[in-house]
PDB file of N, CA and C in Angstrom:
ATOM      1  N   UNK A   1      -9.474-102.599  24.479  1.00  0.00           N
ATOM      2  CA  UNK A   1      -8.201-102.841  24.083  1.00  0.00           C
ATOM      3  C   UNK A   1      -7.919-104.148  23.289  1.00  0.00           C
ATOM      4  N   UNK A   2      -7.587-103.844  22.109  1.00  0.00           N
ATOM      5  CA  UNK A   2      -6.849-104.908  21.635  1.00  0.00           C
ATOM      6  C   UNK A   2      -5.274-105.180  21.370  1.00  0.00           C
ATOM      7  N   UNK A   3      -5.132-105.953  23.076  1.00  0.00           N
ATOM      8  CA  UNK A   3      -3.852-106.204  23.363  1.00  0.00           C
ATOM      9  C   UNK A   3      -3.403-107.133  22.396  1.00  0.00           C
ATOM     10  N   UNK A   4      -1.598-107.259  22.239  1.00  0.00           N
ATOM     11  CA  UNK A   4      -0.797-108.102  21.900  1.00  0.00           C
ATOM     12  C   UNK A   4      -0.763-109.841  22.644  1.00  0.00           C
ATOM     13  N   UNK A   5      -0.721-110.534  21.937  1.00  0.00           N
ATOM     14  CA  UNK A   5      -0.913-112.343  22.912  1.00  0.00           C
ATOM     15  C   UNK A   5       0.240-112.221  23.806  1.00  0.00           C
ATOM     16  N   UNK A   6       1.496-111.577  23.798  1.00  0.00           N
ATOM     17  CA  UNK A   6       2.407-111.474  24.265  1.00  0.00           C
ATOM     18  C   UNK A   6       2.380-110.721  25.534  1.00  0.00           C
ATOM     19  N   UNK A   7       1.530-109.358  25.737  1.00  0.00           N
ATOM     20  CA  UNK A   7       1.720-108.665  26.209  1.00  0.00           C
ATOM     21  C   UNK A   7       0.521-109.747  27.605  1.00  0.00           C
ATOM     22  N   UNK A   8      -0.374-110.046  26.959  1.00  0.00           N
ATOM     23  CA  UNK A   8      -1.562-110.691  27.376  1.00  0.00           C
ATOM     24  C   UNK A   8      -0.596-111.982  28.780  1.00  0.00           C
ATOM     25  N   UNK A   9       0.381-112.629  27.708  1.00  0.00           N
ATOM     26  CA  UNK A   9       0.716-114.103  28.551  1.00  0.00           C
ATOM     27  C   UNK A   9       1.813-113.436  29.518  1.00  0.00           C
ATOM     28  N   UNK A  10       2.534-112.412  29.564  1.00  0.00           N
ATOM     29  CA  UNK A  10       3.697-111.568  30.126  1.00  0.00           C
ATOM     30  C   UNK A  10       2.993-110.908  31.658  1.00  0.00           C
ATOM     31  N   UNK A  11       1.536-110.859  31.289  1.00  0.00           N
ATOM     32  CA  UNK A  11       0.901-110.232  32.657  1.00  0.00           C
ATOM     33  C   UNK A  11       0.958-111.655  33.123  1.00  0.00           C
ATOM     34  N   UNK A  12       0.536-112.778  32.825  1.00  0.00           N
ATOM     35  CA  UNK A  12       0.139-113.786  33.231  1.00  0.00           C
ATOM     36  C   UNK A  12       1.305-114.598  33.991  1.00  0.00           C
ATOM     37  N   UNK A  13       2.154-114.200  33.460  1.00  0.00           N
ATOM     38  CA  UNK A  13       3.552-115.322  33.782  1.00  0.00           C
ATOM     39  C   UNK A  13       3.973-114.036  35.114  1.00  0.00           C
ATOM     40  N   UNK A  14       3.766-113.119  35.449  1.00  0.00           N
ATOM     41  CA  UNK A  14       3.973-111.726  36.151  1.00  0.00           C
ATOM     42  C   UNK A  14       3.230-112.105  37.284  1.00  0.00           C
ATOM     43  N   UNK A  15       1.886-112.601  37.182  1.00  0.00           N
ATOM     44  CA  UNK A  15       0.992-112.675  38.079  1.00  0.00           C
ATOM     45  C   UNK A  15       1.472-114.153  38.706  1.00  0.00           C
ATOM     46  N   UNK A  16       1.312-114.808  37.997  1.00  0.00           N
ATOM     47  CA  UNK A  16       2.035-116.349  38.406  1.00  0.00           C
ATOM     48  C   UNK A  16       3.993-116.321  39.081  1.00  0.00           C
ATOM     49  N   UNK A  17       4.622-115.504  39.067  1.00  0.00           N
ATOM     50  CA  UNK A  17       5.429-115.183  39.876  1.00  0.00           C
ATOM     51  C   UNK A  17       5.553-114.559  40.859  1.00  0.00           C
ATOM     52  N   UNK A  18       4.372-113.823  41.185  1.00  0.00           N
ATOM     53  CA  UNK A  18       4.145-112.720  41.993  1.00  0.00           C
ATOM     54  C   UNK A  18       3.464-113.963  43.557  1.00  0.00           C
ATOM     55  N   UNK A  19       2.653-114.109  42.671  1.00  0.00           N
ATOM     56  CA  UNK A  19       1.998-115.342  43.734  1.00  0.00           C
ATOM     57  C   UNK A  19       3.060-116.682  44.886  1.00  0.00           C
ATOM     58  N   UNK A  20       3.806-117.087  43.518  1.00  0.00           N
ATOM     59  CA  UNK A  20       4.544-117.964  44.068  1.00  0.00           C
ATOM     60  C   UNK A  20       5.193-117.182  45.149  1.00  0.00           C
ATOM     61  N   UNK A  21       5.872-115.770  44.836  1.00  0.00           N
ATOM     62  CA  UNK A  21       6.988-115.823  45.568  1.00  0.00           C
ATOM     63  C   UNK A  21       6.145-115.036  46.665  1.00  0.00           C
ATOM     64  N   UNK A  22       4.979-114.391  46.865  1.00  0.00           N
ATOM     65  CA  UNK A  22       3.790-114.512  47.891  1.00  0.00           C
ATOM     66  C   UNK A  22       3.625-115.277  49.092  1.00  0.00           C
ATOM     67  N   UNK A  23       4.039-116.617  48.540  1.00  0.00           N
ATOM     68  CA  UNK A  23       4.054-117.832  48.852  1.00  0.00           C
ATOM     69  C   UNK A  23       5.015-118.076  50.190  1.00  0.00           C
ATOM     70  N   UNK A  24       6.176-118.006  48.950  1.00  0.00           N
ATOM     71  CA  UNK A  24       7.286-118.165  49.505  1.00  0.00           C
ATOM     72  C   UNK A  24       7.642-117.032  50.849  1.00  0.00           C
ATOM     73  N   UNK A  25       7.575-116.160  50.345  1.00  0.00           N
ATOM     74  CA  UNK A  25       7.814-114.857  51.641  1.00  0.00           C
ATOM     75  C   UNK A  25       6.646-115.711  52.811  1.00  0.00           C
ATOM     76  N   UNK A  26       5.273-115.748  52.377  1.00  0.00           N
ATOM     77  CA  UNK A  26       4.322-116.042  53.821  1.00  0.00           C
ATOM     78  C   UNK A  26       5.156-117.525  54.361  1.00  0.00           C
ATOM     79  N   UNK A  27       5.849-118.008  53.934  1.00  0.00           N
ATOM     80  CA  UNK A  27       6.411-119.369  54.681  1.00  0.00           C
ATOM     81  C   UNK A  27       7.249-119.222  55.422  1.00  0.00           C
ATOM     82  N   UNK A  28       8.047-118.264  54.978  1.00  0.00           N
ATOM     83  CA  UNK A  28       9.330-117.784  55.526  1.00  0.00           C
ATOM     84  C   UNK A  28       8.732-116.038  57.079  1.00  0.00           C
ATOM     85  N   UNK A  29       7.573-115.862  56.699  1.00  0.00           N
ATOM     86  CA  UNK A  29       7.189-114.623  57.754  1.00  0.00           C
ATOM     87  C   UNK A  29       7.364-113.854  57.186  1.00  0.00           C
ATOM     88  N   UNK A  30       7.679-113.177  56.724  1.00  0.00           N
ATOM     89  CA  UNK A  30       8.411-111.879  55.674  1.00  0.00           C
ATOM     90  C   UNK A  30       7.428-111.396  55.581  1.00  0.00           C
ATOM     91  N   UNK A  31       6.376-110.696  55.911  1.00  0.00           N
ATOM     92  CA  UNK A  31       5.077-109.912  55.971  1.00  0.00           C
ATOM     93  C   UNK A  31       5.617-109.044  54.730  1.00  0.00           C
ATOM     94  N   UNK A  32       6.683-107.823  55.136  1.00  0.00           N
ATOM     95  CA  UNK A  32       6.615-106.873  53.802  1.00  0.00           C
ATOM     96  C   UNK A  32       7.240-107.235  52.883  1.00  0.00           C
ATOM     97  N   UNK A  33       7.581-108.453  52.308  1.00  0.00           N
ATOM     98  CA  UNK A  33       7.256-109.152  51.161  1.00  0.00           C
ATOM     99  C   UNK A  33       6.596-109.257  50.522  1.00  0.00           C
ATOM    100  N   UNK A  34       5.692-109.781  51.931  1.00  0.00           N
ATOM    101  CA  UNK A  34       4.000-110.757  51.409  1.00  0.00           C
ATOM    102  C   UNK A  34       3.067-109.454  50.920  1.00  0.00           C
ATOM    103  N   UNK A  35       3.233-108.365  51.561  1.00  0.00           N
ATOM    104  CA  UNK A  35       2.407-107.525  51.161  1.00  0.00           C
ATOM    105  C   UNK A  35       2.671-106.612  49.931  1.00  0.00           C
ATOM    106  N   UNK A  36       3.879-106.798  49.744  1.00  0.00           N
ATOM    107  CA  UNK A  36       4.622-106.567  48.381  1.00  0.00           C
ATOM    108  C   UNK A  36       4.281-107.025  47.504  1.00  0.00           C
ATOM    109  N   UNK A  37       4.130-108.692  47.262  1.00  0.00           N
ATOM    110  CA  UNK A  37       3.597-109.517  46.280  1.00  0.00           C
ATOM    111  C   UNK A  37       2.667-109.243  46.012  1.00  0.00           C
ATOM    112  N   UNK A  38       1.743-108.694  46.991  1.00  0.00           N
ATOM    113  CA  UNK A  38       0.030-109.037  47.080  1.00  0.00           C
ATOM    114  C   UNK A  38      -0.502-108.071  46.115  1.00  0.00           C
ATOM    115  N   UNK A  39       0.727-106.867  46.548  1.00  0.00           N
ATOM    116  CA  UNK A  39       0.161-105.366  45.848  1.00  0.00           C
ATOM    117  C   UNK A  39       0.353-105.440  44.687  1.00  0.00           C
ATOM    118  N   UNK A  40       1.424-105.924  44.213  1.00  0.00           N
ATOM    119  CA  UNK A  40       2.037-105.929  42.334  1.00  0.00           C
ATOM    120  C   UNK A  40       0.875-107.143  41.928  1.00  0.00           C
ATOM    121  N   UNK A  41       0.465-108.339  42.467  1.00  0.00           N
ATOM    122  CA  UNK A  41      -0.455-109.232  42.232  1.00  0.00           C
ATOM    123  C   UNK A  41      -1.757-108.740  41.514  1.00  0.00           C
ATOM    124  N   UNK A  42      -2.127-107.590  42.143  1.00  0.00           N
ATOM    125  CA  UNK A  42      -2.987-107.083  42.156  1.00  0.00           C
ATOM    126  C   UNK A  42      -3.283-106.017  41.568  1.00  0.00           C
ATOM    127  N   UNK A  43      -2.207-105.552  41.103  1.00  0.00           N
ATOM    128  CA  UNK A  43      -1.666-103.918  39.809  1.00  0.00           C
ATOM    129  C   UNK A  43      -2.028-105.001  39.042  1.00  0.00           C
ATOM    130  N   UNK A  44      -1.009-106.516  38.820  1.00  0.00           N
ATOM    131  CA  UNK A  44      -1.167-106.991  36.913  1.00  0.00           C
ATOM    132  C   UNK A  44      -2.463-107.262  36.810  1.00  0.00           C
ATOM    133  N   UNK A  45      -3.240-108.167  38.426  1.00  0.00           N
ATOM    134  CA  UNK A  45      -5.079-108.334  37.996  1.00  0.00           C
ATOM    135  C   UNK A  45      -6.015-107.163  37.298  1.00  0.00           C
ATOM    136  N   UNK A  46      -5.692-106.227  37.978  1.00  0.00           N
ATOM    137  CA  UNK A  46      -6.057-104.879  37.454  1.00  0.00           C
ATOM    138  C   UNK A  46      -5.770-104.705  35.796  1.00  0.00           C
ATOM    139  N   UNK A  47      -4.409-105.029  35.388  1.00  0.00           N
ATOM    140  CA  UNK A  47      -3.905-104.683  34.315  1.00  0.00           C
ATOM    141  C   UNK A  47      -4.630-105.741  33.430  1.00  0.00           C
ATOM    142  N   UNK A  48      -4.606-107.080  33.108  1.00  0.00           N
ATOM    143  CA  UNK A  48      -4.984-108.090  32.357  1.00  0.00           C
ATOM    144  C   UNK A  48      -6.556-107.739  32.475  1.00  0.00           C
ATOM    145  N   UNK A  49      -6.830-107.899  33.529  1.00  0.00           N
ATOM    146  CA  UNK A  49      -8.479-106.965  33.168  1.00  0.00           C
ATOM    147  C   UNK A  49      -8.927-106.497  32.226  1.00  0.00           C
ATOM    148  N   UNK A  50      -7.989-104.885  32.491  1.00  0.00           N
ATOM    149  CA  UNK A  50      -8.286-103.967  31.345  1.00  0.00           C
ATOM    150  C   UNK A  50      -7.624-104.680  30.091  1.00  0.00           C
ATOM    151  N   UNK A  51      -6.448-105.346  29.866  1.00  0.00           N
ATOM    152  CA  UNK A  51      -6.119-105.575  28.425  1.00  0.00           C
ATOM    153  C   UNK A  51      -7.249-106.666  27.791  1.00  0.00           C
ATOM    154  N   UNK A  52      -8.045-107.250  28.771  1.00  0.00           N
ATOM    155  CA  UNK A  52      -8.899-108.693  28.323  1.00  0.00           C
ATOM    156  C   UNK A  52     -10.406-108.195  28.289  1.00  0.00           C
ATOM    157  N   UNK A  53     -10.598-107.134  28.884  1.00  0.00           N
ATOM    158  CA  UNK A  53     -12.241-106.266  29.139  1.00  0.00           C
ATOM    159  C   UNK A  53     -13.193-106.679  28.006  1.00  0.00           C
ATOM    160  N   UNK A  54     -12.461-105.884  26.550  1.00  0.00           N
ATOM    161  CA  UNK A  54     -12.738-106.024  25.553  1.00  0.00           C
ATOM    162  C   UNK A  54     -13.102-107.292  24.113  1.00  0.00           C
ATOM    163  N   UNK A  55     -12.436-107.907  24.760  1.00  0.00           N
ATOM    164  CA  UNK A  55     -12.214-109.286  23.641  1.00  0.00           C
ATOM    165  C   UNK A  55     -11.361-109.054  22.472  1.00  0.00           C
ATOM    166  N   UNK A  56     -11.172-109.980  22.074  1.00  0.00           N
ATOM    167  CA  UNK A  56     -10.075-109.130  20.592  1.00  0.00           C
ATOM    168  C   UNK A  56     -11.707-109.214  19.259  1.00  0.00           C
TER     169      UNK A  56
END
């Protein structure tokens, strides 16, 4: 898939955001939100892999 650069950057930014939120929720021991953040991090990681697996 030949994805536009803005979509790849958006996915990377979302992964960073979910990772940061996951760490913050883990520090507060709010495990339900940690699981949600981890799930969304994984989904965005899969999306990023699909966007970049064939190269440009």
